[in-house]
Amino acid sequence: MADQNEDLLLQEIEEDLRHEQALKLWNAYGHYLIGVAVLVVVVVAGYQGWRAWDLDRRSTWTGQLVAADILAESGKLDQAAAALAKLESEGTSGFAVLSRMKRAGLLAEQGQAMVAAEAYYGVAADANVDKSMRDLATILGTLHEINAGADNPAAIQARLQPYLDPKSVWRHSAREFLALLAIKAGESAKATEYLQAITLDAQSPGGVRSRAQELLQAIGQ
């Protein structure tokens, strides 16, 4: 019985000591803990607010892109271009790049193939733009330059050379463009080489393959 009373007494003393120590810690650091708790609440609330604002902002920009597309489809190309220019100046880098690409496409629709090509090349030369988008801009720029007359085939050939890599997703377009330049220059053997590479590539898109076969027939191959 004495041992039990002694154990109870020791437990009470130990609890008192822990309580006293906790009070000392709270008196010393309690205000810091409250400050941290308040800061956490403020940060979380701020983050949630920022997310809501960012989502609303992106929704607005997406709506502007859709509106520009509708204007373009309605034949109101100047208004569409103005809407895209506004988005380019106000949107984030991603939306700005999309706006630049769409504006270049509008120039092509207006019959300004070379101006469109230069606009695409401007995107391709921008180191701040994602590489995949720069590659697409290069391909589209080349397409419109060829449509404009391609008075500098050597520059086009040099620009397309990296895309002839068997691992490049743009190799099919690069081969087709180079084949067209070769045909224009009267170099049927070189054109045949590019066109056959398209037909023999199992991953060539159906449309590109069909055009390659038609061109081979046209040049007697």
Protein backbone atom coordinates (compact mmCIF):
# COMPACT_ATOMS: atom_id res chain seq x y z
CA MET A 1 0.00 0.00 0.00
CA ALA A 2 2.88 2.33 0.84
CA ASP A 3 4.46 1.56 -2.49
CA GLN A 4 1.25 2.47 -4.32
CA ASN A 5 0.94 5.77 -2.46
CA GLU A 6 4.55 6.52 -3.26
CA ASP A 7 3.99 5.79 -6.96
CA LEU A 8 0.91 8.04 -7.02
CA LEU A 9 2.84 10.81 -5.34
CA LEU A 10 5.68 10.50 -7.84
CA GLN A 11 3.19 10.61 -10.74
CA GLU A 12 1.59 13.77 -9.37
CA ILE A 13 4.97 15.41 -8.93
CA GLU A 14 5.99 14.41 -12.46
CA GLU A 15 2.74 15.80 -13.91
CA ASP A 16 3.20 19.05 -12.01
CA LEU A 17 6.73 19.37 -13.35
CA ARG A 18 5.57 18.75 -16.92
CA HIS A 19 2.78 21.29 -16.51
CA GLU A 20 5.17 23.84 -15.07
CA GLN A 21 7.64 23.22 -17.90
CA ALA A 22 4.87 23.58 -20.49
CA LEU A 23 3.81 26.89 -18.94
CA LYS A 24 7.39 28.15 -19.09
CA LEU A 25 7.68 27.14 -22.74
CA TRP A 26 4.34 28.77 -23.58
CA ASN A 27 5.31 31.99 -21.77
CA ALA A 28 8.60 32.03 -23.67
CA TYR A 29 7.45 31.00 -27.14
CA GLY A 30 3.64 31.11 -27.17
CA HIS A 31 3.46 34.37 -29.10
CA TYR A 32 5.69 32.91 -31.80
CA LEU A 33 3.42 29.89 -32.15
CA ILE A 34 0.39 32.15 -32.47
CA GLY A 35 2.22 34.19 -35.09
CA VAL A 36 3.10 31.07 -37.07
CA ALA A 37 -0.49 29.84 -36.88
CA VAL A 38 -1.79 33.19 -38.11
CA LEU A 39 0.80 33.23 -40.90
CA VAL A 40 -0.22 29.75 -42.03
CA VAL A 41 -3.87 30.84 -42.19
CA VAL A 42 -2.96 33.97 -44.14
CA VAL A 43 -0.74 32.05 -46.59
CA VAL A 44 -3.37 29.38 -47.21
CA ALA A 45 -6.10 31.97 -47.69
CA GLY A 46 -3.83 33.99 -49.96
CA TYR A 47 -2.94 30.95 -52.05
CA GLN A 48 -6.58 29.97 -52.45
CA GLY A 49 -7.42 33.52 -53.47
CA TRP A 50 -4.56 33.60 -55.96
CA ARG A 51 -5.69 30.30 -57.47
CA ALA A 52 -9.22 31.60 -57.93
CA TRP A 53 -7.89 34.82 -59.50
CA ASP A 54 -5.50 32.93 -61.78
CA LEU A 55 -8.24 30.53 -62.92
CA ASP A 56 -10.55 33.45 -63.68
CA ARG A 57 -7.79 35.22 -65.57
CA ARG A 58 -6.97 32.15 -67.67
CA SER A 59 -10.65 31.58 -68.38
CA THR A 60 -10.85 35.17 -69.66
CA TRP A 61 -7.83 34.67 -71.93
CA THR A 62 -9.21 31.39 -73.24
CA GLY A 63 -12.46 33.16 -74.02
CA GLN A 64 -10.54 35.84 -75.92
CA LEU A 65 -8.80 33.17 -78.01
CA VAL A 66 -12.13 31.54 -78.84
CA ALA A 67 -13.65 34.93 -79.68
CA ALA A 68 -10.74 35.68 -82.03
CA ASP A 69 -11.26 32.32 -83.76
CA ILE A 70 -14.96 33.08 -84.22
CA LEU A 71 -14.14 36.49 -85.70
CA ALA A 72 -11.64 34.90 -88.10
CA GLU A 73 -14.12 32.22 -89.17
CA SER A 74 -16.65 34.99 -89.83
CA GLY A 75 -14.19 36.69 -92.16
CA LYS A 76 -13.50 39.55 -89.75
CA LEU A 77 -9.75 39.06 -89.92
CA ASP A 78 -8.78 42.58 -88.90
CA GLN A 79 -10.91 42.39 -85.76
CA ALA A 80 -9.53 38.94 -84.99
CA ALA A 81 -5.98 40.24 -85.35
CA ALA A 82 -6.75 43.16 -83.03
CA ALA A 83 -8.19 40.81 -80.41
CA LEU A 84 -5.10 38.60 -80.61
CA ALA A 85 -2.78 41.60 -80.34
CA LYS A 86 -4.58 42.64 -77.15
CA LEU A 87 -4.23 39.15 -75.71
CA GLU A 88 -0.57 39.04 -76.70
CA SER A 89 0.10 42.14 -74.60
CA GLU A 90 -2.01 41.09 -71.61
CA GLY A 91 -1.68 37.30 -71.37
CA THR A 92 1.01 35.11 -69.87
CA SER A 93 3.86 33.90 -72.06
CA GLY A 94 1.91 30.80 -73.13
CA PHE A 95 -1.15 32.75 -74.24
CA ALA A 96 1.06 35.40 -75.84
CA VAL A 97 2.83 32.77 -77.96
CA LEU A 98 -0.48 31.25 -79.03
CA SER A 99 -1.66 34.72 -80.01
CA ARG A 100 1.48 35.31 -82.08
CA MET A 101 1.03 31.99 -83.87
CA LYS A 102 -2.63 32.69 -84.60
CA ARG A 103 -1.84 36.19 -85.85
CA ALA A 104 0.72 34.71 -88.23
CA GLY A 105 -1.94 32.30 -89.47
CA LEU A 106 -4.31 35.22 -90.09
CA LEU A 107 -1.67 36.92 -92.22
CA ALA A 108 -1.45 33.79 -94.33
CA GLU A 109 -5.25 33.75 -94.70
CA GLN A 110 -5.05 37.34 -95.93
CA GLY A 111 -2.69 36.25 -98.69
CA GLN A 112 0.44 37.66 -97.06
CA ALA A 113 2.41 34.41 -97.15
CA MET A 114 5.89 35.92 -96.76
CA VAL A 115 4.79 38.25 -93.96
CA ALA A 116 3.23 35.25 -92.24
CA ALA A 117 6.47 33.30 -92.67
CA GLU A 118 8.46 36.10 -91.07
CA ALA A 119 6.00 36.20 -88.15
CA TYR A 120 6.44 32.47 -87.61
CA TYR A 121 10.21 32.80 -87.82
CA GLY A 122 10.01 35.49 -85.16
CA VAL A 123 8.45 32.95 -82.80
CA ALA A 124 11.01 30.33 -83.83
CA ALA A 125 13.87 32.69 -82.98
CA ASP A 126 12.50 33.56 -79.53
CA ALA A 127 14.59 31.71 -76.95
CA ASN A 128 11.87 32.24 -74.33
CA VAL A 129 9.43 30.09 -76.29
CA ASP A 130 9.22 26.34 -75.69
CA LYS A 131 11.30 24.35 -78.20
CA SER A 132 8.36 22.29 -79.47
CA MET A 133 6.49 25.50 -80.31
CA ARG A 134 9.59 26.99 -81.94
CA ASP A 135 9.93 23.88 -84.10
CA LEU A 136 6.30 24.13 -85.17
CA ALA A 137 6.80 27.81 -86.00
CA THR A 138 9.82 26.91 -88.13
CA ILE A 139 7.85 24.33 -90.10
CA LEU A 140 4.87 26.63 -90.62
CA GLY A 141 7.15 29.52 -91.56
CA THR A 142 8.88 27.31 -94.13
CA LEU A 143 5.55 26.21 -95.59
CA HIS A 144 4.43 29.80 -96.13
CA GLU A 145 7.81 30.88 -97.45
CA ILE A 146 7.60 28.13 -100.07
CA ASN A 147 4.05 29.25 -100.88
CA ALA A 148 5.38 32.81 -101.26
CA GLY A 149 7.86 31.72 -103.93
CA ALA A 150 10.87 30.53 -101.91
CA ASP A 151 13.40 32.81 -103.55
CA ASN A 152 16.08 31.67 -101.07
CA PRO A 153 16.05 27.85 -101.28
CA ALA A 154 19.53 27.51 -99.80
CA ALA A 155 18.40 29.16 -96.56
CA ILE A 156 15.33 26.93 -96.41
CA GLN A 157 17.42 23.81 -96.97
CA ALA A 158 19.79 24.82 -94.17
CA ARG A 159 16.86 25.56 -91.85
CA LEU A 160 15.22 22.19 -92.52
CA GLN A 161 18.37 20.09 -92.27
CA PRO A 162 18.06 19.40 -88.49
CA TYR A 163 14.53 18.10 -89.02
CA LEU A 164 15.71 15.32 -91.35
CA ASP A 165 16.90 13.43 -88.27
CA PRO A 166 15.05 10.06 -88.23
CA LYS A 167 13.94 10.83 -84.66
CA SER A 168 12.44 14.22 -85.50
CA VAL A 169 8.64 14.36 -85.50
CA TRP A 170 8.90 16.92 -88.31
CA ARG A 171 11.00 14.79 -90.68
CA HIS A 172 8.01 14.03 -92.91
CA SER A 173 7.23 17.71 -93.53
CA ALA A 174 10.93 18.54 -93.95
CA ARG A 175 11.29 15.84 -96.62
CA GLU A 176 8.17 17.02 -98.44
CA PHE A 177 9.30 20.66 -98.44
CA LEU A 178 12.78 19.76 -99.65
CA ALA A 179 11.29 17.57 -102.38
CA LEU A 180 9.18 20.52 -103.58
CA LEU A 181 12.25 22.76 -103.67
CA ALA A 182 14.16 20.11 -105.60
CA ILE A 183 11.34 19.75 -108.14
CA LYS A 184 11.23 23.51 -108.59
CA ALA A 185 15.00 23.53 -109.19
CA GLY A 186 14.71 20.70 -111.73
CA GLU A 187 16.57 18.24 -109.50
CA SER A 188 14.29 15.23 -109.96
CA ALA A 189 16.80 12.73 -108.56
CA LYS A 190 17.06 14.62 -105.27
CA ALA A 191 13.29 15.06 -105.16
CA THR A 192 12.84 11.33 -105.69
CA GLU A 193 15.18 10.59 -102.78
CA TYR A 194 13.13 12.71 -100.37
CA LEU A 195 9.79 11.41 -101.65
CA GLN A 196 10.81 7.78 -101.45
CA ALA A 197 12.03 8.35 -97.90
CA ILE A 198 8.49 9.49 -97.08
CA THR A 199 6.83 6.47 -98.68
CA LEU A 200 9.23 4.03 -97.00
CA ASP A 201 8.79 5.53 -93.53
CA ALA A 202 6.12 3.49 -91.74
CA GLN A 203 5.33 6.48 -89.53
CA SER A 204 4.64 8.93 -92.36
CA PRO A 205 1.15 10.47 -92.01
CA GLY A 206 -1.34 9.26 -94.62
CA GLY A 207 -1.77 12.68 -96.21
CA VAL A 208 1.96 13.26 -96.61
CA ARG A 209 2.44 9.74 -97.99
CA SER A 210 -0.33 10.23 -100.55
CA ARG A 211 1.12 13.52 -101.75
CA ALA A 212 4.57 11.94 -102.00
CA GLN A 213 3.22 9.11 -104.16
CA GLU A 214 1.42 11.58 -106.42
CA LEU A 215 4.57 13.67 -106.81
CA LEU A 216 6.62 10.57 -107.63
CA GLN A 217 4.16 9.74 -110.39
CA ALA A 218 4.22 13.34 -111.61
CA ILE A 219 8.02 13.28 -112.04
CA GLY A 220 7.92 9.83 -113.66
CA GLN A 221 9.11 7.69 -110.79
